[in-house]
């Protein structure tokens, strides 16, 4: 089973800088010292894609909302389809 990557300070800085320090979910600037997370555009559970093309900075609050409203339902649907396919 694949394991999620733990992002070090260098990874986080690269992702933050590449995206102009803007939360990709709300479009707001992430202030100096403000908590933020590395967020997957397409949920890791669906793709296991850790490439920079799938990673963006996001405010902690924005990330939690997206995970709850978009990612979890998509993951659940995918797991149900997989289970149905396997029989």
PDB file of N, CA and C in Angstrom:
ATOM      1  N   UNK A   1       0.844  -1.177   0.000  1.00  0.00           N
ATOM      2  CA  UNK A   1       0.000   0.000   0.000  1.00  0.00           C
ATOM      3  C   UNK A   1       0.891   1.243   0.000  1.00  0.00           C
ATOM      4  N   UNK A   2       0.583   2.181  -0.841  1.00  0.00           N
ATOM      5  CA  UNK A   2       1.367   3.411  -0.950  1.00  0.00           C
ATOM      6  C   UNK A   2       1.143   4.294   0.273  1.00  0.00           C
ATOM      7  N   UNK A   3       2.175   5.040   0.596  1.00  0.00           N
ATOM      8  CA  UNK A   3       2.092   5.963   1.728  1.00  0.00           C
ATOM      9  C   UNK A   3       2.170   7.390   1.221  1.00  0.00           C
ATOM     10  N   UNK A   4       1.443   8.273   1.883  1.00  0.00           N
ATOM     11  CA  UNK A   4       1.480   9.684   1.532  1.00  0.00           C
ATOM     12  C   UNK A   4       2.828  10.262   1.897  1.00  0.00           C
ATOM     13  N   UNK A   5       3.270  11.186   1.071  1.00  0.00           N
ATOM     14  CA  UNK A   5       4.546  11.850   1.282  1.00  0.00           C
ATOM     15  C   UNK A   5       4.417  12.871   2.408  1.00  0.00           C
ATOM     16  N   UNK A   6       5.464  12.988   3.182  1.00  0.00           N
ATOM     17  CA  UNK A   6       5.546  14.032   4.186  1.00  0.00           C
ATOM     18  C   UNK A   6       6.366  15.168   3.576  1.00  0.00           C
ATOM     19  N   UNK A   7       5.797  16.343   3.487  1.00  0.00           N
ATOM     20  CA  UNK A   7       6.470  17.456   2.830  1.00  0.00           C
ATOM     21  C   UNK A   7       7.402  18.171   3.793  1.00  0.00           C
ATOM     22  N   UNK A   8       8.669  18.283   3.403  1.00  0.00           N
ATOM     23  CA  UNK A   8       9.628  18.984   4.237  1.00  0.00           C
ATOM     24  C   UNK A   8       9.577  20.483   3.924  1.00  0.00           C
ATOM     25  N   UNK A   9      10.363  21.262   4.643  1.00  0.00           N
ATOM     26  CA  UNK A   9      10.354  22.724   4.482  1.00  0.00           C
ATOM     27  C   UNK A   9      10.724  23.135   3.058  1.00  0.00           C
ATOM     28  N   UNK A  10      11.651  22.430   2.452  1.00  0.00           N
ATOM     29  CA  UNK A  10      12.063  22.749   1.077  1.00  0.00           C
ATOM     30  C   UNK A  10      10.921  22.511   0.094  1.00  0.00           C
ATOM     31  N   UNK A  11      10.217  21.394   0.242  1.00  0.00           N
ATOM     32  CA  UNK A  11       9.059  21.090  -0.610  1.00  0.00           C
ATOM     33  C   UNK A  11       7.984  22.160  -0.445  1.00  0.00           C
ATOM     34  N   UNK A  12       7.681  22.484   0.810  1.00  0.00           N
ATOM     35  CA  UNK A  12       6.641  23.482   1.098  1.00  0.00           C
ATOM     36  C   UNK A  12       7.002  24.843   0.512  1.00  0.00           C
ATOM     37  N   UNK A  13       8.241  25.238   0.655  1.00  0.00           N
ATOM     38  CA  UNK A  13       8.685  26.534   0.120  1.00  0.00           C
ATOM     39  C   UNK A  13       8.567  26.552  -1.407  1.00  0.00           C
ATOM     40  N   UNK A  14       8.943  25.454  -2.052  1.00  0.00           N
ATOM     41  CA  UNK A  14       8.866  25.371  -3.510  1.00  0.00           C
ATOM     42  C   UNK A  14       7.418  25.490  -3.991  1.00  0.00           C
ATOM     43  N   UNK A  15       6.518  24.774  -3.341  1.00  0.00           N
ATOM     44  CA  UNK A  15       5.108  24.789  -3.718  1.00  0.00           C
ATOM     45  C   UNK A  15       4.495  26.167  -3.444  1.00  0.00           C
ATOM     46  N   UNK A  16       4.818  26.744  -2.304  1.00  0.00           N
ATOM     47  CA  UNK A  16       4.312  28.069  -1.935  1.00  0.00           C
ATOM     48  C   UNK A  16       4.762  29.119  -2.950  1.00  0.00           C
ATOM     49  N   UNK A  17       6.042  29.122  -3.256  1.00  0.00           N
ATOM     50  CA  UNK A  17       6.607  30.111  -4.176  1.00  0.00           C
ATOM     51  C   UNK A  17       6.061  29.925  -5.590  1.00  0.00           C
ATOM     52  N   UNK A  18       5.981  28.698  -6.039  1.00  0.00           N
ATOM     53  CA  UNK A  18       5.497  28.423  -7.394  1.00  0.00           C
ATOM     54  C   UNK A  18       4.071  28.915  -7.607  1.00  0.00           C
ATOM     55  N   UNK A  19       3.320  29.037  -6.518  1.00  0.00           N
ATOM     56  CA  UNK A  19       1.923  29.448  -6.619  1.00  0.00           C
ATOM     57  C   UNK A  19       1.680  30.843  -6.062  1.00  0.00           C
ATOM     58  N   UNK A  20       2.754  31.597  -5.890  1.00  0.00           N
ATOM     59  CA  UNK A  20       2.639  32.993  -5.486  1.00  0.00           C
ATOM     60  C   UNK A  20       2.089  33.220  -4.094  1.00  0.00           C
ATOM     61  N   UNK A  21       2.154  32.209  -3.242  1.00  0.00           N
ATOM     62  CA  UNK A  21       1.670  32.365  -1.874  1.00  0.00           C
ATOM     63  C   UNK A  21       0.172  32.604  -1.773  1.00  0.00           C
ATOM     64  N   UNK A  22      -0.564  32.070  -2.747  1.00  0.00           N
ATOM     65  CA  UNK A  22      -2.014  32.266  -2.796  1.00  0.00           C
ATOM     66  C   UNK A  22      -2.711  30.933  -2.566  1.00  0.00           C
ATOM     67  N   UNK A  23      -3.745  30.960  -1.742  1.00  0.00           N
ATOM     68  CA  UNK A  23      -4.570  29.775  -1.515  1.00  0.00           C
ATOM     69  C   UNK A  23      -5.296  29.456  -2.815  1.00  0.00           C
ATOM     70  N   UNK A  24      -5.104  28.281  -3.326  1.00  0.00           N
ATOM     71  CA  UNK A  24      -5.717  27.931  -4.612  1.00  0.00           C
ATOM     72  C   UNK A  24      -7.224  27.723  -4.494  1.00  0.00           C
ATOM     73  N   UNK A  25      -7.737  27.592  -3.296  1.00  0.00           N
ATOM     74  CA  UNK A  25      -9.169  27.346  -3.116  1.00  0.00           C
ATOM     75  C   UNK A  25      -9.958  28.658  -3.079  1.00  0.00           C
ATOM     76  N   UNK A  26      -9.518  29.592  -2.229  1.00  0.00           N
ATOM     77  CA  UNK A  26     -10.268  30.849  -2.092  1.00  0.00           C
ATOM     78  C   UNK A  26      -9.641  32.002  -2.875  1.00  0.00           C
ATOM     79  N   UNK A  27      -8.395  31.834  -3.308  1.00  0.00           N
ATOM     80  CA  UNK A  27      -7.715  32.880  -4.066  1.00  0.00           C
ATOM     81  C   UNK A  27      -7.111  33.959  -3.198  1.00  0.00           C
ATOM     82  N   UNK A  28      -7.217  33.817  -1.889  1.00  0.00           N
ATOM     83  CA  UNK A  28      -6.669  34.807  -0.971  1.00  0.00           C
ATOM     84  C   UNK A  28      -5.197  34.571  -0.687  1.00  0.00           C
ATOM     85  N   UNK A  29      -4.492  35.666  -0.400  1.00  0.00           N
ATOM     86  CA  UNK A  29      -3.073  35.569  -0.057  1.00  0.00           C
ATOM     87  C   UNK A  29      -2.914  34.868   1.286  1.00  0.00           C
ATOM     88  N   UNK A  30      -1.859  34.080   1.388  1.00  0.00           N
ATOM     89  CA  UNK A  30      -1.518  33.436   2.649  1.00  0.00           C
ATOM     90  C   UNK A  30      -0.499  34.347   3.323  1.00  0.00           C
ATOM     91  N   UNK A  31      -0.884  34.933   4.455  1.00  0.00           N
ATOM     92  CA  UNK A  31      -0.059  35.920   5.147  1.00  0.00           C
ATOM     93  C   UNK A  31       1.155  35.263   5.802  1.00  0.00           C
ATOM     94  N   UNK A  32       2.178  36.058   5.992  1.00  0.00           N
ATOM     95  CA  UNK A  32       3.384  35.586   6.679  1.00  0.00           C
ATOM     96  C   UNK A  32       2.984  35.077   8.060  1.00  0.00           C
ATOM     97  N   UNK A  33       3.406  33.884   8.393  1.00  0.00           N
ATOM     98  CA  UNK A  33       3.095  33.286   9.684  1.00  0.00           C
ATOM     99  C   UNK A  33       1.740  32.600   9.766  1.00  0.00           C
ATOM    100  N   UNK A  34       0.926  32.738   8.738  1.00  0.00           N
ATOM    101  CA  UNK A  34      -0.390  32.102   8.721  1.00  0.00           C
ATOM    102  C   UNK A  34      -0.249  30.610   8.401  1.00  0.00           C
ATOM    103  N   UNK A  35      -1.022  29.808   9.087  1.00  0.00           N
ATOM    104  CA  UNK A  35      -0.974  28.360   8.859  1.00  0.00           C
ATOM    105  C   UNK A  35      -1.557  28.023   7.490  1.00  0.00           C
ATOM    106  N   UNK A  36      -0.867  27.137   6.790  1.00  0.00           N
ATOM    107  CA  UNK A  36      -1.356  26.659   5.495  1.00  0.00           C
ATOM    108  C   UNK A  36      -0.891  25.228   5.315  1.00  0.00           C
ATOM    109  N   UNK A  37      -1.513  24.546   4.367  1.00  0.00           N
ATOM    110  CA  UNK A  37      -1.188  23.150   4.110  1.00  0.00           C
ATOM    111  C   UNK A  37      -0.955  22.934   2.622  1.00  0.00           C
ATOM    112  N   UNK A  38      -0.194  21.905   2.323  1.00  0.00           N
ATOM    113  CA  UNK A  38      -0.037  21.479   0.936  1.00  0.00           C
ATOM    114  C   UNK A  38      -1.281  20.657   0.620  1.00  0.00           C
ATOM    115  N   UNK A  39      -1.995  21.065  -0.421  1.00  0.00           N
ATOM    116  CA  UNK A  39      -3.274  20.458  -0.762  1.00  0.00           C
ATOM    117  C   UNK A  39      -3.189  19.837  -2.145  1.00  0.00           C
ATOM    118  N   UNK A  40      -3.817  18.701  -2.312  1.00  0.00           N
ATOM    119  CA  UNK A  40      -3.857  18.017  -3.604  1.00  0.00           C
ATOM    120  C   UNK A  40      -5.047  18.523  -4.418  1.00  0.00           C
ATOM    121  N   UNK A  41      -4.808  18.939  -5.648  1.00  0.00           N
ATOM    122  CA  UNK A  41      -5.909  19.354  -6.519  1.00  0.00           C
ATOM    123  C   UNK A  41      -6.891  18.207  -6.677  1.00  0.00           C
ATOM    124  N   UNK A  42      -6.374  17.043  -7.008  1.00  0.00           N
ATOM    125  CA  UNK A  42      -7.168  15.818  -7.064  1.00  0.00           C
ATOM    126  C   UNK A  42      -6.729  14.979  -5.875  1.00  0.00           C
ATOM    127  N   UNK A  43      -7.663  14.582  -5.057  1.00  0.00           N
ATOM    128  CA  UNK A  43      -7.363  13.895  -3.801  1.00  0.00           C
ATOM    129  C   UNK A  43      -6.331  12.782  -3.977  1.00  0.00           C
ATOM    130  N   UNK A  44      -5.388  12.733  -3.056  1.00  0.00           N
ATOM    131  CA  UNK A  44      -4.324  11.733  -3.087  1.00  0.00           C
ATOM    132  C   UNK A  44      -4.922  10.325  -3.085  1.00  0.00           C
ATOM    133  N   UNK A  45      -5.981  10.122  -2.346  1.00  0.00           N
ATOM    134  CA  UNK A  45      -6.603   8.794  -2.263  1.00  0.00           C
ATOM    135  C   UNK A  45      -7.104   8.303  -3.618  1.00  0.00           C
ATOM    136  N   UNK A  46      -7.371   9.235  -4.533  1.00  0.00           N
ATOM    137  CA  UNK A  46      -7.848   8.853  -5.860  1.00  0.00           C
ATOM    138  C   UNK A  46      -6.721   8.611  -6.849  1.00  0.00           C
ATOM    139  N   UNK A  47      -5.624   9.346  -6.708  1.00  0.00           N
ATOM    140  CA  UNK A  47      -4.560   9.295  -7.717  1.00  0.00           C
ATOM    141  C   UNK A  47      -3.195   8.885  -7.195  1.00  0.00           C
ATOM    142  N   UNK A  48      -2.953   9.087  -5.908  1.00  0.00           N
ATOM    143  CA  UNK A  48      -1.636   8.907  -5.290  1.00  0.00           C
ATOM    144  C   UNK A  48      -0.583   9.725  -6.036  1.00  0.00           C
ATOM    145  N   UNK A  49      -1.012  10.871  -6.568  1.00  0.00           N
ATOM    146  CA  UNK A  49      -0.150  11.772  -7.333  1.00  0.00           C
ATOM    147  C   UNK A  49       0.447  12.828  -6.414  1.00  0.00           C
ATOM    148  N   UNK A  50       1.756  12.753  -6.215  1.00  0.00           N
ATOM    149  CA  UNK A  50       2.480  13.713  -5.382  1.00  0.00           C
ATOM    150  C   UNK A  50       3.281  14.694  -6.231  1.00  0.00           C
ATOM    151  N   UNK A  51       2.995  14.773  -7.528  1.00  0.00           N
ATOM    152  CA  UNK A  51       3.741  15.667  -8.401  1.00  0.00           C
ATOM    153  C   UNK A  51       3.355  17.117  -8.115  1.00  0.00           C
ATOM    154  N   UNK A  52       4.259  18.034  -8.423  1.00  0.00           N
ATOM    155  CA  UNK A  52       3.994  19.453  -8.193  1.00  0.00           C
ATOM    156  C   UNK A  52       2.764  19.938  -8.960  1.00  0.00           C
ATOM    157  N   UNK A  53       2.435  19.294 -10.067  1.00  0.00           N
ATOM    158  CA  UNK A  53       1.266  19.685 -10.841  1.00  0.00           C
ATOM    159  C   UNK A  53      -0.032  19.439 -10.072  1.00  0.00           C
ATOM    160  N   UNK A  54      -0.002  18.553  -9.087  1.00  0.00           N
ATOM    161  CA  UNK A  54      -1.191  18.214  -8.310  1.00  0.00           C
ATOM    162  C   UNK A  54      -1.168  18.831  -6.912  1.00  0.00           C
ATOM    163  N   UNK A  55      -0.186  19.665  -6.616  1.00  0.00           N
ATOM    164  CA  UNK A  55      -0.033  20.228  -5.275  1.00  0.00           C
ATOM    165  C   UNK A  55      -0.158  21.742  -5.297  1.00  0.00           C
ATOM    166  N   UNK A  56      -0.871  22.275  -4.318  1.00  0.00           N
ATOM    167  CA  UNK A  56      -1.054  23.718  -4.195  1.00  0.00           C
ATOM    168  C   UNK A  56      -1.120  24.093  -2.715  1.00  0.00           C
ATOM    169  N   UNK A  57      -0.765  25.331  -2.390  1.00  0.00           N
ATOM    170  CA  UNK A  57      -0.949  25.791  -1.009  1.00  0.00           C
ATOM    171  C   UNK A  57      -2.416  26.143  -0.767  1.00  0.00           C
ATOM    172  N   UNK A  58      -2.861  25.935   0.463  1.00  0.00           N
ATOM    173  CA  UNK A  58      -4.244  26.273   0.824  1.00  0.00           C
ATOM    174  C   UNK A  58      -4.304  26.629   2.302  1.00  0.00           C
ATOM    175  N   UNK A  59      -5.151  27.609   2.621  1.00  0.00           N
ATOM    176  CA  UNK A  59      -5.407  27.904   4.027  1.00  0.00           C
ATOM    177  C   UNK A  59      -5.915  26.627   4.694  1.00  0.00           C
ATOM    178  N   UNK A  60      -5.601  26.446   5.958  1.00  0.00           N
ATOM    179  CA  UNK A  60      -6.039  25.254   6.677  1.00  0.00           C
ATOM    180  C   UNK A  60      -7.568  25.140   6.624  1.00  0.00           C
ATOM    181  N   UNK A  61      -8.264  26.257   6.891  1.00  0.00           N
ATOM    182  CA  UNK A  61      -9.734  26.241   6.897  1.00  0.00           C
ATOM    183  C   UNK A  61     -10.286  25.885   5.513  1.00  0.00           C
ATOM    184  N   UNK A  62      -9.727  26.483   4.464  1.00  0.00           N
ATOM    185  CA  UNK A  62     -10.184  26.198   3.099  1.00  0.00           C
ATOM    186  C   UNK A  62      -9.966  24.732   2.749  1.00  0.00           C
ATOM    187  N   UNK A  63      -8.810  24.201   3.148  1.00  0.00           N
ATOM    188  CA  UNK A  63      -8.484  22.809   2.870  1.00  0.00           C
ATOM    189  C   UNK A  63      -9.484  21.872   3.547  1.00  0.00           C
ATOM    190  N   UNK A  64      -9.817  22.149   4.801  1.00  0.00           N
ATOM    191  CA  UNK A  64     -10.763  21.302   5.520  1.00  0.00           C
ATOM    192  C   UNK A  64     -12.140  21.319   4.866  1.00  0.00           C
ATOM    193  N   UNK A  65     -12.573  22.499   4.442  1.00  0.00           N
ATOM    194  CA  UNK A  65     -13.879  22.604   3.790  1.00  0.00           C
ATOM    195  C   UNK A  65     -13.882  21.813   2.481  1.00  0.00           C
ATOM    196  N   UNK A  66     -12.830  21.985   1.672  1.00  0.00           N
ATOM    197  CA  UNK A  66     -12.749  21.269   0.394  1.00  0.00           C
ATOM    198  C   UNK A  66     -12.726  19.760   0.628  1.00  0.00           C
ATOM    199  N   UNK A  67     -11.934  19.332   1.601  1.00  0.00           N
ATOM    200  CA  UNK A  67     -11.838  17.897   1.880  1.00  0.00           C
ATOM    201  C   UNK A  67     -13.204  17.333   2.271  1.00  0.00           C
ATOM    202  N   UNK A  68     -13.930  18.068   3.087  1.00  0.00           N
ATOM    203  CA  UNK A  68     -15.236  17.596   3.560  1.00  0.00           C
ATOM    204  C   UNK A  68     -16.298  17.637   2.460  1.00  0.00           C
ATOM    205  N   UNK A  69     -16.331  18.708   1.672  1.00  0.00           N
ATOM    206  CA  UNK A  69     -17.397  18.889   0.694  1.00  0.00           C
ATOM    207  C   UNK A  69     -17.123  18.236  -0.655  1.00  0.00           C
ATOM    208  N   UNK A  70     -15.851  18.126  -1.046  1.00  0.00           N
ATOM    209  CA  UNK A  70     -15.534  17.613  -2.380  1.00  0.00           C
ATOM    210  C   UNK A  70     -14.761  16.296  -2.352  1.00  0.00           C
ATOM    211  N   UNK A  71     -13.662  16.276  -1.622  1.00  0.00           N
ATOM    212  CA  UNK A  71     -12.773  15.113  -1.685  1.00  0.00           C
ATOM    213  C   UNK A  71     -13.391  13.856  -1.082  1.00  0.00           C
ATOM    214  N   UNK A  72     -13.937  13.952   0.123  1.00  0.00           N
ATOM    215  CA  UNK A  72     -14.498  12.755   0.769  1.00  0.00           C
ATOM    216  C   UNK A  72     -15.630  12.132  -0.040  1.00  0.00           C
ATOM    217  N   UNK A  73     -16.578  12.933  -0.530  1.00  0.00           N
ATOM    218  CA  UNK A  73     -17.634  12.312  -1.364  1.00  0.00           C
ATOM    219  C   UNK A  73     -17.078  11.655  -2.629  1.00  0.00           C
ATOM    220  N   UNK A  74     -16.083  12.280  -3.256  1.00  0.00           N
ATOM    221  CA  UNK A  74     -15.486  11.698  -4.472  1.00  0.00           C
ATOM    222  C   UNK A  74     -14.776  10.386  -4.155  1.00  0.00           C
ATOM    223  N   UNK A  75     -14.082  10.351  -3.045  1.00  0.00           N
ATOM    224  CA  UNK A  75     -13.377   9.131  -2.628  1.00  0.00           C
ATOM    225  C   UNK A  75     -14.390   8.029  -2.324  1.00  0.00           C
ATOM    226  N   UNK A  76     -15.458   8.373  -1.624  1.00  0.00           N
ATOM    227  CA  UNK A  76     -16.497   7.393  -1.301  1.00  0.00           C
ATOM    228  C   UNK A  76     -17.127   6.820  -2.564  1.00  0.00           C
ATOM    229  N   UNK A  77     -17.448   7.701  -3.529  1.00  0.00           N
ATOM    230  CA  UNK A  77     -18.028   7.223  -4.794  1.00  0.00           C
ATOM    231  C   UNK A  77     -17.065   6.282  -5.518  1.00  0.00           C
ATOM    232  N   UNK A  78     -15.784   6.648  -5.536  1.00  0.00           N
ATOM    233  CA  UNK A  78     -14.788   5.814  -6.220  1.00  0.00           C
ATOM    234  C   UNK A  78     -14.663   4.448  -5.549  1.00  0.00           C
ATOM    235  N   UNK A  79     -14.686   4.434  -4.215  1.00  0.00           N
ATOM    236  CA  UNK A  79     -14.592   3.156  -3.499  1.00  0.00           C
ATOM    237  C   UNK A  79     -15.821   2.287  -3.753  1.00  0.00           C
ATOM    238  N   UNK A  80     -16.992   2.913  -3.828  1.00  0.00           N
ATOM    239  CA  UNK A  80     -18.217   2.146  -4.117  1.00  0.00           C
ATOM    240  C   UNK A  80     -18.175   1.560  -5.523  1.00  0.00           C
ATOM    241  N   UNK A  81     -17.704   2.369  -6.497  1.00  0.00           N
ATOM    242  CA  UNK A  81     -17.585   1.861  -7.868  1.00  0.00           C
ATOM    243  C   UNK A  81     -16.609   0.702  -7.921  1.00  0.00           C
ATOM    244  N   UNK A  82     -15.490   0.840  -7.232  1.00  0.00           N
ATOM    245  CA  UNK A  82     -14.487  -0.222  -7.208  1.00  0.00           C
ATOM    246  C   UNK A  82     -15.055  -1.498  -6.591  1.00  0.00           C
ATOM    247  N   UNK A  83     -15.765  -1.358  -5.469  1.00  0.00           N
ATOM    248  CA  UNK A  83     -16.347  -2.522  -4.813  1.00  0.00           C
ATOM    249  C   UNK A  83     -17.391  -3.192  -5.714  1.00  0.00           C
ATOM    250  N   UNK A  84     -18.191  -2.389  -6.406  1.00  0.00           N
ATOM    251  CA  UNK A  84     -19.202  -2.935  -7.311  1.00  0.00           C
ATOM    252  C   UNK A  84     -18.526  -3.666  -8.474  1.00  0.00           C
ATOM    253  N   UNK A  85     -17.455  -3.096  -8.971  1.00  0.00           N
ATOM    254  CA  UNK A  85     -16.732  -3.706 -10.082  1.00  0.00           C
ATOM    255  C   UNK A  85     -16.117  -5.052  -9.673  1.00  0.00           C
ATOM    256  N   UNK A  86     -15.580  -5.088  -8.462  1.00  0.00           N
ATOM    257  CA  UNK A  86     -14.946  -6.318  -7.980  1.00  0.00           C
ATOM    258  C   UNK A  86     -15.981  -7.375  -7.600  1.00  0.00           C
ATOM    259  N   UNK A  87     -17.198  -6.923  -7.343  1.00  0.00           N
ATOM    260  CA  UNK A  87     -18.265  -7.851  -6.996  1.00  0.00           C
ATOM    261  C   UNK A  87     -18.259  -8.144  -5.569  1.00  0.00           C
TER     262      UNK A  87
END
